[in-house]
Amino acid sequence: MNDGNLTVISVDAIVLGASAGGLKTMINLFSKLPGDLPVPILVVQHTRSDEESLLAELIGAETGLKVIEAEDKMEIKPGCIYIAPPNYHLLVEDKNTIALSTEEKVNYSRPSIDLLFESAVRTYLSNLAGIILTGANDDGAKGISMSAQTGGITIAQSPESAEFKTMPQAAIATGNVKFVLDIDEMAKFISDLSFFKISIST
């Protein structure tokens, strides 16, 4: 590998999108992360809009990280996972604050993975890691492309390991996903990326 093609990277935040099959996959991923992770994780999981979400409770029971259903104007803190509530878009207002929105659905979804990613890209620029997990539509493909264009780290679950392949395949098909990983590989990579500056080929 040519050292001239190495870039040193670090992240200030992680955004993650999932749909069908997401709960089981997120529990598997988050249970493998250290409880003192020094960055926040903001999550959109497609859910039904007409029922209460138990995502925060179910995921929180399986990880050492603090898992919270996001609220408008909530402070963003490291070591916390913020879950979009049903029927609200989860947005990053600035590096310290969450915003919730009831604007129109995107790709038939509210919350929208694309809108989360797009708002986070504007705030964190290249210091953002974006992750697309299992799902049955293409939400997130546009957002992960925006992250790649600003130099962010872009990750997709390997379709072979995904319960539903469409969402990671759509992200990968954009040509803007840098890393395709299974869940064990992803957990280690997130930990390394969050605690240390690492070098990647560009």
Protein backbone atom coordinates (compact mmCIF):
# COMPACT_ATOMS: atom_id res chain seq x y z
CA MET A 1 0.00 0.00 0.00
CA ASN A 2 1.34 3.45 -0.91
CA ASP A 3 1.58 5.73 2.14
CA GLY A 4 0.82 8.68 -0.10
CA ASN A 5 -2.70 7.29 -0.52
CA LEU A 6 -3.43 7.05 3.21
CA THR A 7 -5.79 9.43 4.99
CA VAL A 8 -6.01 9.70 8.79
CA ILE A 9 -9.62 9.85 9.94
CA SER A 10 -11.62 10.23 13.12
CA VAL A 11 -15.33 10.70 13.78
CA ASP A 12 -17.44 12.90 16.05
CA ALA A 13 -20.74 11.08 15.45
CA ILE A 14 -22.30 8.01 13.87
CA VAL A 15 -25.63 7.90 12.02
CA LEU A 16 -27.29 4.58 11.29
CA GLY A 17 -30.30 3.53 9.26
CA ALA A 18 -32.19 0.25 9.29
CA SER A 19 -35.54 -1.10 8.22
CA ALA A 20 -36.85 -4.67 7.97
CA GLY A 21 -34.79 -6.94 10.21
CA GLY A 22 -33.22 -3.95 11.93
CA LEU A 23 -34.06 -4.61 15.57
CA LYS A 24 -32.30 -7.95 15.74
CA THR A 25 -29.34 -6.62 13.75
CA MET A 26 -28.96 -3.50 15.89
CA ILE A 27 -29.08 -5.53 19.10
CA ASN A 28 -26.36 -7.77 17.69
CA LEU A 29 -24.23 -4.76 16.71
CA PHE A 30 -24.75 -2.55 19.77
CA SER A 31 -24.24 -5.41 22.22
CA LYS A 32 -20.69 -5.70 20.87
CA LEU A 33 -19.79 -2.02 21.39
CA PRO A 34 -18.03 -0.78 24.54
CA GLY A 35 -20.20 1.09 27.01
CA ASP A 36 -17.80 4.05 27.06
CA LEU A 37 -17.96 4.74 23.33
CA PRO A 38 -16.82 8.38 23.02
CA VAL A 39 -19.23 9.38 20.22
CA PRO A 40 -23.03 9.52 19.90
CA ILE A 41 -25.02 7.24 17.59
CA LEU A 42 -28.22 8.54 16.00
CA VAL A 43 -30.58 5.90 14.64
CA VAL A 44 -33.51 5.76 12.26
CA GLN A 45 -35.32 2.44 12.24
CA HIS A 46 -38.45 2.36 10.11
CA THR A 47 -41.41 1.74 12.39
CA ARG A 48 -45.17 1.86 12.17
CA SER A 49 -46.47 5.34 12.89
CA ASP A 50 -49.58 4.20 14.74
CA GLU A 51 -48.02 2.33 17.64
CA GLU A 52 -45.71 3.04 20.54
CA SER A 53 -42.07 2.12 19.93
CA LEU A 54 -40.21 -0.12 22.36
CA LEU A 55 -36.95 0.09 20.43
CA ALA A 56 -35.07 2.05 23.08
CA GLU A 57 -36.07 -0.36 25.84
CA LEU A 58 -35.36 -3.50 23.80
CA ILE A 59 -31.98 -2.31 22.55
CA GLY A 60 -31.03 -0.74 25.88
CA ALA A 61 -31.46 -4.06 27.65
CA GLU A 62 -28.73 -5.59 25.47
CA THR A 63 -25.99 -2.94 25.45
CA GLY A 64 -23.85 -1.03 27.91
CA LEU A 65 -24.55 2.19 26.03
CA LYS A 66 -27.37 4.51 27.09
CA VAL A 67 -30.28 4.15 24.64
CA ILE A 68 -32.80 6.98 24.47
CA GLU A 69 -35.88 7.73 22.39
CA ALA A 70 -34.99 11.15 21.00
CA GLU A 71 -36.85 14.29 22.00
CA ASP A 72 -36.90 17.70 20.33
CA LYS A 73 -34.02 19.95 21.47
CA MET A 74 -32.40 17.06 23.37
CA GLU A 75 -28.67 17.46 23.91
CA ILE A 76 -26.44 15.09 21.93
CA LYS A 77 -23.94 13.38 24.22
CA PRO A 78 -21.20 10.80 23.60
CA GLY A 79 -21.88 7.23 24.62
CA CYS A 80 -25.59 7.54 23.89
CA ILE A 81 -27.76 5.99 21.19
CA TYR A 82 -30.66 8.23 20.10
CA ILE A 83 -33.60 6.46 18.47
CA ALA A 84 -36.05 8.33 16.23
CA PRO A 85 -39.58 8.16 17.69
CA PRO A 86 -42.41 6.85 15.50
CA ASN A 87 -43.74 9.30 12.91
CA TYR A 88 -40.99 11.91 13.46
CA HIS A 89 -37.95 12.68 11.36
CA LEU A 90 -34.80 12.72 13.49
CA LEU A 91 -32.48 15.57 12.53
CA VAL A 92 -29.16 16.92 13.78
CA GLU A 93 -29.68 20.61 14.49
CA ASP A 94 -26.08 21.29 15.48
CA LYS A 95 -23.31 19.34 17.20
CA ASN A 96 -25.15 19.58 20.50
CA THR A 97 -28.85 19.35 19.68
CA ILE A 98 -31.45 17.07 18.12
CA ALA A 99 -34.49 18.32 16.23
CA LEU A 100 -37.66 16.35 15.50
CA SER A 101 -39.81 17.14 12.49
CA THR A 102 -43.21 16.12 11.12
CA GLU A 103 -42.51 17.37 7.60
CA GLU A 104 -43.60 15.19 4.69
CA LYS A 105 -42.55 11.56 4.42
CA VAL A 106 -39.47 10.77 2.32
CA ASN A 107 -39.49 7.48 0.39
CA TYR A 108 -42.82 6.81 2.12
CA SER A 109 -41.03 6.93 5.47
CA ARG A 110 -41.14 9.13 8.55
CA PRO A 111 -38.61 8.90 10.12
CA SER A 112 -36.39 9.04 7.04
CA ILE A 113 -32.85 7.70 6.98
CA ASP A 114 -31.92 10.09 4.17
CA LEU A 115 -33.04 13.16 6.14
CA LEU A 116 -31.06 12.08 9.22
CA PHE A 117 -27.93 11.56 7.15
CA GLU A 118 -28.33 14.83 5.24
CA SER A 119 -28.74 16.88 8.41
CA ALA A 120 -25.77 15.16 10.07
CA VAL A 121 -23.57 15.71 7.01
CA ARG A 122 -24.22 19.45 7.18
CA THR A 123 -23.12 19.48 10.83
CA TYR A 124 -20.26 16.99 11.03
CA LEU A 125 -18.93 17.08 7.45
CA SER A 126 -16.01 14.64 7.16
CA ASN A 127 -16.12 13.70 10.85
CA LEU A 128 -19.22 11.55 10.37
CA ALA A 129 -19.65 7.81 9.97
CA GLY A 130 -22.80 6.65 8.18
CA ILE A 131 -24.04 3.06 8.40
CA ILE A 132 -26.76 1.28 6.42
CA LEU A 133 -28.07 -2.02 7.77
CA THR A 134 -30.69 -4.53 6.67
CA GLY A 135 -33.85 -3.26 5.00
CA ALA A 136 -36.28 -3.78 2.14
CA ASN A 137 -36.14 -0.39 0.37
CA ASP A 138 -33.53 2.15 -0.76
CA ASP A 139 -33.85 4.75 2.00
CA GLY A 140 -30.37 5.89 3.00
CA ALA A 141 -28.72 5.58 -0.41
CA LYS A 142 -29.01 9.31 -1.10
CA GLY A 143 -27.87 10.24 2.40
CA ILE A 144 -24.83 7.99 2.36
CA SER A 145 -23.83 9.45 -0.98
CA MET A 146 -23.95 12.95 0.53
CA SER A 147 -21.74 11.78 3.38
CA ALA A 148 -19.21 10.31 0.96
CA GLN A 149 -19.09 13.57 -0.99
CA THR A 150 -18.04 15.48 2.14
CA GLY A 151 -15.39 12.92 3.07
CA GLY A 152 -17.37 11.02 5.70
CA ILE A 153 -16.89 7.33 6.43
CA THR A 154 -19.54 5.23 4.70
CA ILE A 155 -20.37 1.69 5.77
CA ALA A 156 -22.94 -0.88 4.68
CA GLN A 157 -23.80 -4.26 6.11
CA SER A 158 -22.68 -7.00 3.76
CA PRO A 159 -25.79 -8.09 1.87
CA GLU A 160 -24.87 -11.74 2.48
CA SER A 161 -25.19 -11.17 6.23
CA ALA A 162 -28.33 -9.00 6.04
CA GLU A 163 -31.76 -10.44 6.72
CA PHE A 164 -33.11 -8.12 4.00
CA LYS A 165 -30.53 -7.25 1.33
CA THR A 166 -32.25 -4.43 -0.59
CA MET A 167 -31.21 -1.50 1.59
CA PRO A 168 -27.49 -2.28 1.86
CA GLN A 169 -27.42 -3.29 -1.81
CA ALA A 170 -28.97 0.07 -2.80
CA ALA A 171 -26.36 1.94 -0.76
CA ILE A 172 -23.51 -0.11 -2.23
CA ALA A 173 -24.87 0.39 -5.76
CA THR A 174 -24.30 4.15 -5.46
CA GLY A 175 -20.56 3.50 -5.49
CA ASN A 176 -20.23 5.65 -2.38
CA VAL A 177 -19.85 2.97 0.30
CA LYS A 178 -16.24 2.66 1.46
CA PHE A 179 -16.61 -0.37 3.75
CA VAL A 180 -18.88 -3.43 3.38
CA LEU A 181 -18.78 -5.39 6.64
CA ASP A 182 -20.61 -8.07 8.55
CA ILE A 183 -21.78 -7.20 12.07
CA ASP A 184 -18.73 -8.54 13.93
CA GLU A 185 -16.39 -6.64 11.60
CA MET A 186 -18.54 -3.52 11.88
CA ALA A 187 -18.51 -3.54 15.68
CA LYS A 188 -14.71 -3.71 15.78
CA PHE A 189 -14.36 -1.04 13.11
CA ILE A 190 -16.74 1.34 14.91
CA SER A 191 -14.82 0.87 18.16
CA ASP A 192 -11.44 1.48 16.50
CA LEU A 193 -12.78 4.48 14.59
CA SER A 194 -14.37 6.03 17.68
CA PHE A 195 -11.47 5.66 20.08
CA PHE A 196 -8.55 6.19 17.73
CA LYS A 197 -7.63 8.04 14.60
CA ILE A 198 -7.11 5.39 11.93
CA SER A 199 -5.59 5.43 8.46
CA ILE A 200 -7.51 4.30 5.40
CA SER A 201 -6.54 4.05 1.75
CA THR A 202 -8.06 6.69 -0.51
